[in-house]
Amino acid sequence: MTGDKISAARLLRTARGQMDGIIKMIEDNRYCIDISNQIMACQAILAKVNKEVLQAHISHCVMDACGEQGKEKVAEIAQVLDKLL
């Protein structure tokens, strides 16, 4: 991955910490809605880091494979993914 490795790693460490917290919440029989909210927060972080990874792939790997001719099309795909994710 040639994108922002530091940001992606930081987000994944945060998600890992949240997962540990969720497991503890379940073990402690915490309120279901609180657990669900933490699960959704973790999912949001994973979606964000996945978006960063995909954007890095498009910006570097795909762009290198397409050359200059594909630059405009790659930008269009990146915009659609940004909206989708």
N, C-alpha and C. Protein backbone atom coordinates (compact mmCIF):
# COMPACT_ATOMS: atom_id res chain seq x y z
N MET A 1 0.86 -1.19 0.00
CA MET A 1 0.00 0.00 0.00
C MET A 1 0.90 1.23 0.00
N THR A 2 0.66 2.09 -0.95
CA THR A 2 1.51 3.28 -1.04
C THR A 2 0.81 4.53 -0.53
N GLY A 3 -0.41 4.38 -0.05
CA GLY A 3 -1.15 5.53 0.48
C GLY A 3 -0.63 5.93 1.85
N ASP A 4 -1.44 6.55 2.62
CA ASP A 4 -1.06 7.02 3.94
C ASP A 4 -1.07 5.85 4.92
N LYS A 5 0.06 5.17 5.00
CA LYS A 5 0.16 3.99 5.87
C LYS A 5 -0.03 4.34 7.33
N ILE A 6 0.46 5.49 7.73
CA ILE A 6 0.37 5.89 9.13
C ILE A 6 -1.09 6.07 9.53
N SER A 7 -1.86 6.74 8.70
CA SER A 7 -3.28 6.96 8.98
C SER A 7 -4.04 5.64 9.02
N ALA A 8 -3.79 4.77 8.04
CA ALA A 8 -4.48 3.48 7.99
C ALA A 8 -4.15 2.64 9.22
N ALA A 9 -2.88 2.59 9.58
CA ALA A 9 -2.47 1.80 10.75
C ALA A 9 -3.08 2.36 12.03
N ARG A 10 -3.13 3.68 12.14
CA ARG A 10 -3.72 4.32 13.33
C ARG A 10 -5.20 3.98 13.44
N LEU A 11 -5.91 4.07 12.33
CA LEU A 11 -7.33 3.73 12.34
C LEU A 11 -7.57 2.27 12.69
N LEU A 12 -6.73 1.39 12.16
CA LEU A 12 -6.88 -0.04 12.46
C LEU A 12 -6.57 -0.35 13.93
N ARG A 13 -5.58 0.35 14.49
CA ARG A 13 -5.30 0.17 15.92
C ARG A 13 -6.47 0.66 16.77
N THR A 14 -7.09 1.74 16.35
CA THR A 14 -8.27 2.25 17.05
C THR A 14 -9.41 1.23 16.99
N ALA A 15 -9.63 0.66 15.80
CA ALA A 15 -10.68 -0.35 15.65
C ALA A 15 -10.38 -1.57 16.50
N ARG A 16 -9.12 -1.97 16.54
CA ARG A 16 -8.73 -3.12 17.38
C ARG A 16 -9.03 -2.83 18.84
N GLY A 17 -8.73 -1.61 19.29
CA GLY A 17 -9.03 -1.23 20.67
C GLY A 17 -10.53 -1.25 20.94
N GLN A 18 -11.29 -0.78 19.97
CA GLN A 18 -12.75 -0.81 20.12
C GLN A 18 -13.26 -2.24 20.18
N MET A 19 -12.69 -3.12 19.37
CA MET A 19 -13.11 -4.52 19.39
C MET A 19 -12.83 -5.13 20.77
N ASP A 20 -11.67 -4.84 21.32
CA ASP A 20 -11.36 -5.33 22.67
C ASP A 20 -12.38 -4.81 23.68
N GLY A 21 -12.74 -3.54 23.53
CA GLY A 21 -13.75 -2.95 24.41
C GLY A 21 -15.11 -3.60 24.25
N ILE A 22 -15.46 -3.91 23.02
CA ILE A 22 -16.76 -4.55 22.75
C ILE A 22 -16.79 -5.94 23.39
N ILE A 23 -15.71 -6.68 23.24
CA ILE A 23 -15.65 -8.01 23.86
C ILE A 23 -15.83 -7.90 25.36
N LYS A 24 -15.16 -6.93 25.98
CA LYS A 24 -15.30 -6.72 27.43
C LYS A 24 -16.73 -6.34 27.79
N MET A 25 -17.35 -5.49 26.97
CA MET A 25 -18.74 -5.11 27.22
C MET A 25 -19.65 -6.34 27.21
N ILE A 26 -19.42 -7.23 26.26
CA ILE A 26 -20.24 -8.45 26.18
C ILE A 26 -19.99 -9.33 27.40
N GLU A 27 -18.73 -9.48 27.76
CA GLU A 27 -18.39 -10.30 28.93
C GLU A 27 -18.99 -9.72 30.22
N ASP A 28 -19.09 -8.39 30.27
CA ASP A 28 -19.64 -7.71 31.45
C ASP A 28 -21.16 -7.57 31.40
N ASN A 29 -21.78 -8.17 30.39
CA ASN A 29 -23.24 -8.10 30.22
C ASN A 29 -23.77 -6.67 30.18
N ARG A 30 -23.08 -5.83 29.41
CA ARG A 30 -23.51 -4.44 29.27
C ARG A 30 -24.78 -4.37 28.43
N TYR A 31 -25.42 -3.21 28.46
CA TYR A 31 -26.66 -2.95 27.75
C TYR A 31 -26.47 -3.17 26.25
N CYS A 32 -27.38 -3.92 25.65
CA CYS A 32 -27.27 -4.33 24.25
C CYS A 32 -27.12 -3.14 23.29
N ILE A 33 -27.87 -2.09 23.53
CA ILE A 33 -27.81 -0.92 22.64
C ILE A 33 -26.44 -0.26 22.72
N ASP A 34 -25.86 -0.23 23.90
CA ASP A 34 -24.50 0.33 24.04
C ASP A 34 -23.49 -0.51 23.25
N ILE A 35 -23.64 -1.82 23.32
CA ILE A 35 -22.76 -2.71 22.56
C ILE A 35 -22.96 -2.48 21.06
N SER A 36 -24.20 -2.41 20.65
CA SER A 36 -24.50 -2.18 19.24
C SER A 36 -23.91 -0.86 18.74
N ASN A 37 -24.02 0.18 19.54
CA ASN A 37 -23.45 1.48 19.16
C ASN A 37 -21.94 1.38 18.98
N GLN A 38 -21.27 0.64 19.84
CA GLN A 38 -19.83 0.48 19.72
C GLN A 38 -19.46 -0.35 18.49
N ILE A 39 -20.27 -1.34 18.19
CA ILE A 39 -20.04 -2.13 16.98
C ILE A 39 -20.17 -1.25 15.74
N MET A 40 -21.18 -0.40 15.70
CA MET A 40 -21.36 0.50 14.55
C MET A 40 -20.22 1.49 14.44
N ALA A 41 -19.71 1.97 15.57
CA ALA A 41 -18.57 2.88 15.54
C ALA A 41 -17.34 2.19 14.97
N CYS A 42 -17.14 0.94 15.35
CA CYS A 42 -16.02 0.17 14.83
C CYS A 42 -16.18 -0.07 13.32
N GLN A 43 -17.39 -0.38 12.90
CA GLN A 43 -17.65 -0.58 11.48
C GLN A 43 -17.36 0.69 10.69
N ALA A 44 -17.69 1.83 11.26
CA ALA A 44 -17.44 3.11 10.57
C ALA A 44 -15.94 3.33 10.39
N ILE A 45 -15.16 3.00 11.40
CA ILE A 45 -13.72 3.14 11.27
C ILE A 45 -13.18 2.21 10.20
N LEU A 46 -13.64 0.96 10.19
CA LEU A 46 -13.18 0.01 9.18
C LEU A 46 -13.58 0.46 7.78
N ALA A 47 -14.78 1.01 7.64
CA ALA A 47 -15.20 1.52 6.33
C ALA A 47 -14.31 2.67 5.89
N LYS A 48 -13.94 3.53 6.83
CA LYS A 48 -13.08 4.67 6.50
C LYS A 48 -11.70 4.21 6.05
N VAL A 49 -11.12 3.27 6.77
CA VAL A 49 -9.79 2.80 6.38
C VAL A 49 -9.86 2.02 5.07
N ASN A 50 -10.94 1.28 4.84
CA ASN A 50 -11.10 0.58 3.57
C ASN A 50 -11.18 1.58 2.42
N LYS A 51 -11.88 2.67 2.63
CA LYS A 51 -11.97 3.73 1.61
C LYS A 51 -10.59 4.28 1.30
N GLU A 52 -9.78 4.52 2.33
CA GLU A 52 -8.43 5.03 2.13
C GLU A 52 -7.58 4.04 1.34
N VAL A 53 -7.70 2.75 1.67
CA VAL A 53 -6.93 1.72 0.97
C VAL A 53 -7.35 1.65 -0.49
N LEU A 54 -8.66 1.68 -0.75
CA LEU A 54 -9.13 1.63 -2.14
C LEU A 54 -8.72 2.87 -2.93
N GLN A 55 -8.78 4.04 -2.29
CA GLN A 55 -8.36 5.26 -2.98
C GLN A 55 -6.87 5.22 -3.29
N ALA A 56 -6.07 4.68 -2.37
CA ALA A 56 -4.64 4.55 -2.62
C ALA A 56 -4.39 3.59 -3.78
N HIS A 57 -5.15 2.52 -3.82
CA HIS A 57 -5.00 1.55 -4.91
C HIS A 57 -5.32 2.19 -6.25
N ILE A 58 -6.42 2.91 -6.29
CA ILE A 58 -6.81 3.57 -7.54
C ILE A 58 -5.78 4.62 -7.94
N SER A 59 -5.36 5.41 -6.96
CA SER A 59 -4.45 6.52 -7.25
C SER A 59 -3.06 6.05 -7.67
N HIS A 60 -2.66 4.89 -7.22
CA HIS A 60 -1.30 4.45 -7.51
C HIS A 60 -1.27 3.23 -8.42
N CYS A 61 -1.79 2.11 -7.96
CA CYS A 61 -1.70 0.86 -8.72
C CYS A 61 -2.44 0.94 -10.05
N VAL A 62 -3.69 1.35 -9.99
CA VAL A 62 -4.50 1.42 -11.22
C VAL A 62 -3.98 2.52 -12.14
N MET A 63 -3.63 3.65 -11.55
CA MET A 63 -3.12 4.76 -12.37
C MET A 63 -1.83 4.35 -13.09
N ASP A 64 -0.95 3.65 -12.40
CA ASP A 64 0.29 3.20 -13.04
C ASP A 64 -0.01 2.23 -14.17
N ALA A 65 -0.99 1.38 -13.98
CA ALA A 65 -1.34 0.41 -15.02
C ALA A 65 -2.00 1.07 -16.23
N CYS A 66 -2.75 2.14 -16.00
CA CYS A 66 -3.47 2.81 -17.09
C CYS A 66 -2.63 3.84 -17.83
N GLY A 67 -1.68 4.42 -17.14
CA GLY A 67 -0.90 5.48 -17.75
C GLY A 67 -1.70 6.77 -17.78
N GLU A 68 -1.23 7.71 -18.51
CA GLU A 68 -1.85 9.04 -18.57
C GLU A 68 -3.23 9.02 -19.20
N GLN A 69 -3.50 8.11 -20.11
CA GLN A 69 -4.79 8.08 -20.79
C GLN A 69 -5.93 7.77 -19.83
N GLY A 70 -5.67 7.00 -18.81
CA GLY A 70 -6.72 6.61 -17.89
C GLY A 70 -6.92 7.55 -16.73
N LYS A 71 -6.14 8.62 -16.67
CA LYS A 71 -6.18 9.54 -15.53
C LYS A 71 -7.57 10.08 -15.25
N GLU A 72 -8.26 10.53 -16.28
CA GLU A 72 -9.60 11.11 -16.13
C GLU A 72 -10.59 10.04 -15.66
N LYS A 73 -10.52 8.87 -16.22
CA LYS A 73 -11.44 7.79 -15.84
C LYS A 73 -11.18 7.33 -14.41
N VAL A 74 -9.93 7.27 -14.01
CA VAL A 74 -9.59 6.89 -12.65
C VAL A 74 -10.15 7.92 -11.67
N ALA A 75 -10.05 9.19 -12.02
CA ALA A 75 -10.60 10.25 -11.17
C ALA A 75 -12.12 10.10 -11.03
N GLU A 76 -12.78 9.74 -12.12
CA GLU A 76 -14.23 9.53 -12.07
C GLU A 76 -14.59 8.36 -11.14
N ILE A 77 -13.86 7.27 -11.26
CA ILE A 77 -14.11 6.11 -10.41
C ILE A 77 -13.87 6.47 -8.94
N ALA A 78 -12.83 7.22 -8.67
CA ALA A 78 -12.53 7.64 -7.29
C ALA A 78 -13.65 8.48 -6.72
N GLN A 79 -14.24 9.34 -7.53
CA GLN A 79 -15.37 10.18 -7.06
C GLN A 79 -16.58 9.32 -6.74
N VAL A 80 -16.86 8.34 -7.58
CA VAL A 80 -18.00 7.46 -7.34
C VAL A 80 -17.78 6.65 -6.08
N LEU A 81 -16.59 6.10 -5.89
CA LEU A 81 -16.29 5.34 -4.68
C LEU A 81 -16.40 6.22 -3.42
N ASP A 82 -15.97 7.44 -3.56
CA ASP A 82 -16.05 8.38 -2.43
C ASP A 82 -17.50 8.56 -1.99
N LYS A 83 -18.39 8.69 -2.95
CA LYS A 83 -19.81 8.84 -2.64
C LYS A 83 -20.41 7.53 -2.10
N LEU A 84 -19.99 6.43 -2.70
CA LEU A 84 -20.53 5.13 -2.33
C LEU A 84 -20.10 4.70 -0.93
N LEU A 85 -18.85 4.92 -0.62
CA LEU A 85 -18.32 4.47 0.66
C LEU A 85 -18.42 5.57 1.68
